[in-house]
Amino acid sequence: PFPCARLRNLPYDAALEDILILFQGLVVIDVVISSQGDAFVIFANPMDFQMALQR
């Protein structure tokens, strides 16, 4: 299983590009954005996930 971070309270117009910019330099496998202001970001490894939590 890949580590997954849930982002909450995003602006409703948040786009994939916005999330990728936030996690620039980390290996993002997939991003799923809901229309409710949430997103799930799947990282390639636990190290990138831990670094993402610091942002």
PDB file of N, CA and C in Angstrom:
ATOM      1  N   PRO A   1       0.831  -1.209   0.000  1.00  0.00           N
ATOM      2  CA  PRO A   1       0.000   0.000   0.000  1.00  0.00           C
ATOM      3  C   PRO A   1       0.867   1.262   0.000  1.00  0.00           C
ATOM      4  N   PHE A   2       0.405   2.237  -0.704  1.00  0.00           N
ATOM      5  CA  PHE A   2       1.111   3.503  -0.778  1.00  0.00           C
ATOM      6  C   PHE A   2       0.572   4.448   0.289  1.00  0.00           C
ATOM      7  N   PRO A   3       1.439   5.299   0.851  1.00  0.00           N
ATOM      8  CA  PRO A   3       0.972   6.279   1.842  1.00  0.00           C
ATOM      9  C   PRO A   3       0.077   7.332   1.191  1.00  0.00           C
ATOM     10  N   CYS A   4      -0.985   7.688   1.880  1.00  0.00           N
ATOM     11  CA  CYS A   4      -1.975   8.619   1.347  1.00  0.00           C
ATOM     12  C   CYS A   4      -2.254   9.720   2.359  1.00  0.00           C
ATOM     13  N   ALA A   5      -2.258  10.956   1.889  1.00  0.00           N
ATOM     14  CA  ALA A   5      -2.583  12.106   2.741  1.00  0.00           C
ATOM     15  C   ALA A   5      -3.927  12.671   2.305  1.00  0.00           C
ATOM     16  N   ARG A   6      -4.738  13.010   3.282  1.00  0.00           N
ATOM     17  CA  ARG A   6      -6.021  13.653   2.991  1.00  0.00           C
ATOM     18  C   ARG A   6      -5.881  15.146   3.247  1.00  0.00           C
ATOM     19  N   LEU A   7      -6.218  15.937   2.259  1.00  0.00           N
ATOM     20  CA  LEU A   7      -6.224  17.391   2.393  1.00  0.00           C
ATOM     21  C   LEU A   7      -7.670  17.823   2.562  1.00  0.00           C
ATOM     22  N   ARG A   8      -7.907  18.685   3.534  1.00  0.00           N
ATOM     23  CA  ARG A   8      -9.272  19.127   3.803  1.00  0.00           C
ATOM     24  C   ARG A   8      -9.366  20.634   3.690  1.00  0.00           C
ATOM     25  N   ASN A   9     -10.601  21.101   3.526  1.00  0.00           N
ATOM     26  CA  ASN A   9     -10.902  22.534   3.469  1.00  0.00           C
ATOM     27  C   ASN A   9     -10.174  23.251   2.338  1.00  0.00           C
ATOM     28  N   LEU A  10     -10.025  22.567   1.220  1.00  0.00           N
ATOM     29  CA  LEU A  10      -9.428  23.206   0.048  1.00  0.00           C
ATOM     30  C   LEU A  10     -10.450  24.145  -0.584  1.00  0.00           C
ATOM     31  N   PRO A  11      -9.976  25.176  -1.278  1.00  0.00           N
ATOM     32  CA  PRO A  11     -10.918  25.998  -2.042  1.00  0.00           C
ATOM     33  C   PRO A  11     -11.614  25.111  -3.083  1.00  0.00           C
ATOM     34  N   TYR A  12     -12.857  25.412  -3.362  1.00  0.00           N
ATOM     35  CA  TYR A  12     -13.610  24.584  -4.305  1.00  0.00           C
ATOM     36  C   TYR A  12     -13.036  24.636  -5.711  1.00  0.00           C
ATOM     37  N   ASP A  13     -12.236  25.659  -6.010  1.00  0.00           N
ATOM     38  CA  ASP A  13     -11.627  25.741  -7.337  1.00  0.00           C
ATOM     39  C   ASP A  13     -10.194  25.206  -7.354  1.00  0.00           C
ATOM     40  N   ALA A  14      -9.778  24.519  -6.293  1.00  0.00           N
ATOM     41  CA  ALA A  14      -8.427  23.945  -6.254  1.00  0.00           C
ATOM     42  C   ALA A  14      -8.279  22.938  -7.392  1.00  0.00           C
ATOM     43  N   ALA A  15      -7.142  23.013  -8.062  1.00  0.00           N
ATOM     44  CA  ALA A  15      -6.889  22.153  -9.216  1.00  0.00           C
ATOM     45  C   ALA A  15      -5.702  21.235  -8.941  1.00  0.00           C
ATOM     46  N   LEU A  16      -5.564  20.247  -9.778  1.00  0.00           N
ATOM     47  CA  LEU A  16      -4.450  19.312  -9.675  1.00  0.00           C
ATOM     48  C   LEU A  16      -3.120  20.050  -9.643  1.00  0.00           C
ATOM     49  N   GLU A  17      -2.971  21.051 -10.490  1.00  0.00           N
ATOM     50  CA  GLU A  17      -1.720  21.804 -10.564  1.00  0.00           C
ATOM     51  C   GLU A  17      -1.388  22.469  -9.227  1.00  0.00           C
ATOM     52  N   ASP A  18      -2.402  22.967  -8.532  1.00  0.00           N
ATOM     53  CA  ASP A  18      -2.183  23.611  -7.231  1.00  0.00           C
ATOM     54  C   ASP A  18      -1.603  22.621  -6.224  1.00  0.00           C
ATOM     55  N   ILE A  19      -2.129  21.424  -6.215  1.00  0.00           N
ATOM     56  CA  ILE A  19      -1.659  20.408  -5.272  1.00  0.00           C
ATOM     57  C   ILE A  19      -0.258  19.942  -5.641  1.00  0.00           C
ATOM     58  N   LEU A  20       0.001  19.778  -6.928  1.00  0.00           N
ATOM     59  CA  LEU A  20       1.336  19.359  -7.355  1.00  0.00           C
ATOM     60  C   LEU A  20       2.382  20.417  -7.030  1.00  0.00           C
ATOM     61  N   ILE A  21       2.016  21.685  -7.123  1.00  0.00           N
ATOM     62  CA  ILE A  21       2.943  22.760  -6.746  1.00  0.00           C
ATOM     63  C   ILE A  21       3.238  22.692  -5.254  1.00  0.00           C
ATOM     64  N   LEU A  22       2.209  22.434  -4.447  1.00  0.00           N
ATOM     65  CA  LEU A  22       2.395  22.327  -2.998  1.00  0.00           C
ATOM     66  C   LEU A  22       3.397  21.235  -2.649  1.00  0.00           C
ATOM     67  N   PHE A  23       3.339  20.123  -3.368  1.00  0.00           N
ATOM     68  CA  PHE A  23       4.206  18.982  -3.062  1.00  0.00           C
ATOM     69  C   PHE A  23       5.342  18.834  -4.070  1.00  0.00           C
ATOM     70  N   GLN A  24       5.735  19.937  -4.678  1.00  0.00           N
ATOM     71  CA  GLN A  24       6.840  19.918  -5.643  1.00  0.00           C
ATOM     72  C   GLN A  24       8.088  19.345  -4.977  1.00  0.00           C
ATOM     73  N   GLY A  25       8.780  18.465  -5.685  1.00  0.00           N
ATOM     74  CA  GLY A  25       9.982  17.831  -5.156  1.00  0.00           C
ATOM     75  C   GLY A  25       9.708  16.485  -4.509  1.00  0.00           C
ATOM     76  N   LEU A  26       8.431  16.162  -4.288  1.00  0.00           N
ATOM     77  CA  LEU A  26       8.051  14.867  -3.739  1.00  0.00           C
ATOM     78  C   LEU A  26       7.443  14.025  -4.859  1.00  0.00           C
ATOM     79  N   VAL A  27       7.499  12.714  -4.699  1.00  0.00           N
ATOM     80  CA  VAL A  27       6.968  11.831  -5.733  1.00  0.00           C
ATOM     81  C   VAL A  27       5.499  11.534  -5.433  1.00  0.00           C
ATOM     82  N   VAL A  28       4.631  12.173  -6.220  1.00  0.00           N
ATOM     83  CA  VAL A  28       3.187  11.993  -6.088  1.00  0.00           C
ATOM     84  C   VAL A  28       2.744  10.995  -7.152  1.00  0.00           C
ATOM     85  N   ILE A  29       2.070   9.941  -6.715  1.00  0.00           N
ATOM     86  CA  ILE A  29       1.591   8.903  -7.632  1.00  0.00           C
ATOM     87  C   ILE A  29       0.240   9.287  -8.229  1.00  0.00           C
ATOM     88  N   ASP A  30      -0.658   9.793  -7.374  1.00  0.00           N
ATOM     89  CA  ASP A  30      -2.010  10.109  -7.837  1.00  0.00           C
ATOM     90  C   ASP A  30      -2.630  11.148  -6.916  1.00  0.00           C
ATOM     91  N   VAL A  31      -3.570  11.903  -7.458  1.00  0.00           N
ATOM     92  CA  VAL A  31      -4.339  12.885  -6.690  1.00  0.00           C
ATOM     93  C   VAL A  31      -5.802  12.717  -7.073  1.00  0.00           C
ATOM     94  N   VAL A  32      -6.647  12.605  -6.055  1.00  0.00           N
ATOM     95  CA  VAL A  32      -8.091  12.533  -6.277  1.00  0.00           C
ATOM     96  C   VAL A  32      -8.709  13.724  -5.557  1.00  0.00           C
ATOM     97  N   ILE A  33      -9.354  14.605  -6.324  1.00  0.00           N
ATOM     98  CA  ILE A  33      -9.960  15.816  -5.761  1.00  0.00           C
ATOM     99  C   ILE A  33     -11.470  15.647  -5.779  1.00  0.00           C
ATOM    100  N   SER A  34     -12.094  15.904  -4.630  1.00  0.00           N
ATOM    101  CA  SER A  34     -13.555  15.838  -4.576  1.00  0.00           C
ATOM    102  C   SER A  34     -14.131  17.238  -4.729  1.00  0.00           C
ATOM    103  N   SER A  35     -15.395  17.290  -5.048  1.00  0.00           N
ATOM    104  CA  SER A  35     -16.062  18.583  -5.193  1.00  0.00           C
ATOM    105  C   SER A  35     -16.432  19.180  -3.838  1.00  0.00           C
ATOM    106  N   GLN A  36     -16.110  18.482  -2.760  1.00  0.00           N
ATOM    107  CA  GLN A  36     -16.447  18.937  -1.411  1.00  0.00           C
ATOM    108  C   GLN A  36     -15.289  19.664  -0.730  1.00  0.00           C
ATOM    109  N   GLY A  37     -14.203  19.925  -1.451  1.00  0.00           N
ATOM    110  CA  GLY A  37     -13.068  20.623  -0.866  1.00  0.00           C
ATOM    111  C   GLY A  37     -12.058  19.705  -0.210  1.00  0.00           C
ATOM    112  N   ASP A  38     -12.083  18.428  -0.559  1.00  0.00           N
ATOM    113  CA  ASP A  38     -11.116  17.455  -0.055  1.00  0.00           C
ATOM    114  C   ASP A  38     -10.290  16.924  -1.220  1.00  0.00           C
ATOM    115  N   ALA A  39      -9.112  16.409  -0.874  1.00  0.00           N
ATOM    116  CA  ALA A  39      -8.295  15.723  -1.870  1.00  0.00           C
ATOM    117  C   ALA A  39      -7.512  14.629  -1.170  1.00  0.00           C
ATOM    118  N   PHE A  40      -7.227  13.583  -1.906  1.00  0.00           N
ATOM    119  CA  PHE A  40      -6.385  12.502  -1.421  1.00  0.00           C
ATOM    120  C   PHE A  40      -5.156  12.466  -2.313  1.00  0.00           C
ATOM    121  N   VAL A  41      -3.984  12.505  -1.679  1.00  0.00           N
ATOM    122  CA  VAL A  41      -2.727  12.519  -2.418  1.00  0.00           C
ATOM    123  C   VAL A  41      -1.968  11.251  -2.051  1.00  0.00           C
ATOM    124  N   ILE A  42      -1.642  10.456  -3.048  1.00  0.00           N
ATOM    125  CA  ILE A  42      -0.917   9.211  -2.830  1.00  0.00           C
ATOM    126  C   ILE A  42       0.544   9.435  -3.201  1.00  0.00           C
ATOM    127  N   PHE A  43       1.418   9.102  -2.261  1.00  0.00           N
ATOM    128  CA  PHE A  43       2.854   9.292  -2.442  1.00  0.00           C
ATOM    129  C   PHE A  43       3.536   7.961  -2.744  1.00  0.00           C
ATOM    130  N   ALA A  44       4.696   8.038  -3.376  1.00  0.00           N
ATOM    131  CA  ALA A  44       5.412   6.844  -3.808  1.00  0.00           C
ATOM    132  C   ALA A  44       6.031   6.079  -2.650  1.00  0.00           C
ATOM    133  N   ASN A  45       6.357   6.777  -1.573  1.00  0.00           N
ATOM    134  CA  ASN A  45       7.038   6.102  -0.469  1.00  0.00           C
ATOM    135  C   ASN A  45       6.769   6.831   0.850  1.00  0.00           C
ATOM    136  N   PRO A  46       7.005   6.156   1.962  1.00  0.00           N
ATOM    137  CA  PRO A  46       6.747   6.767   3.272  1.00  0.00           C
ATOM    138  C   PRO A  46       7.582   8.024   3.540  1.00  0.00           C
ATOM    139  N   MET A  47       8.782   8.094   2.981  1.00  0.00           N
ATOM    140  CA  MET A  47       9.629   9.269   3.212  1.00  0.00           C
ATOM    141  C   MET A  47       8.993  10.525   2.603  1.00  0.00           C
ATOM    142  N   ASP A  48       8.494  10.416   1.381  1.00  0.00           N
ATOM    143  CA  ASP A  48       7.829  11.563   0.752  1.00  0.00           C
ATOM    144  C   ASP A  48       6.562  11.933   1.516  1.00  0.00           C
ATOM    145  N   PHE A  49       5.848  10.927   2.007  1.00  0.00           N
ATOM    146  CA  PHE A  49       4.646  11.175   2.809  1.00  0.00           C
ATOM    147  C   PHE A  49       5.001  11.962   4.070  1.00  0.00           C
ATOM    148  N   GLN A  50       6.039  11.555   4.770  1.00  0.00           N
ATOM    149  CA  GLN A  50       6.457  12.254   5.988  1.00  0.00           C
ATOM    150  C   GLN A  50       6.893  13.685   5.681  1.00  0.00           C
ATOM    151  N   MET A  51       7.586  13.881   4.571  1.00  0.00           N
ATOM    152  CA  MET A  51       7.996  15.230   4.182  1.00  0.00           C
ATOM    153  C   MET A  51       6.776  16.080   3.837  1.00  0.00           C
ATOM    154  N   ALA A  52       5.759  15.470   3.240  1.00  0.00           N
ATOM    155  CA  ALA A  52       4.531  16.194   2.899  1.00  0.00           C
ATOM    156  C   ALA A  52       3.822  16.681   4.153  1.00  0.00           C
ATOM    157  N   LEU A  53       3.867  15.897   5.212  1.00  0.00           N
ATOM    158  CA  LEU A  53       3.211  16.289   6.459  1.00  0.00           C
ATOM    159  C   LEU A  53       3.851  17.521   7.085  1.00  0.00           C
ATOM    160  N   GLN A  54       5.079  17.820   6.712  1.00  0.00           N
ATOM    161  CA  GLN A  54       5.784  18.992   7.237  1.00  0.00           C
ATOM    162  C   GLN A  54       5.408  20.273   6.496  1.00  0.00           C
ATOM    163  N   ARG A  55       4.685  20.149   5.398  1.00  0.00           N
ATOM    164  CA  ARG A  55       4.347  21.323   4.584  1.00  0.00           C
ATOM    165  C   ARG A  55       3.025  21.904   4.958  1.00  0.00           C
TER     166      ARG A  55
END
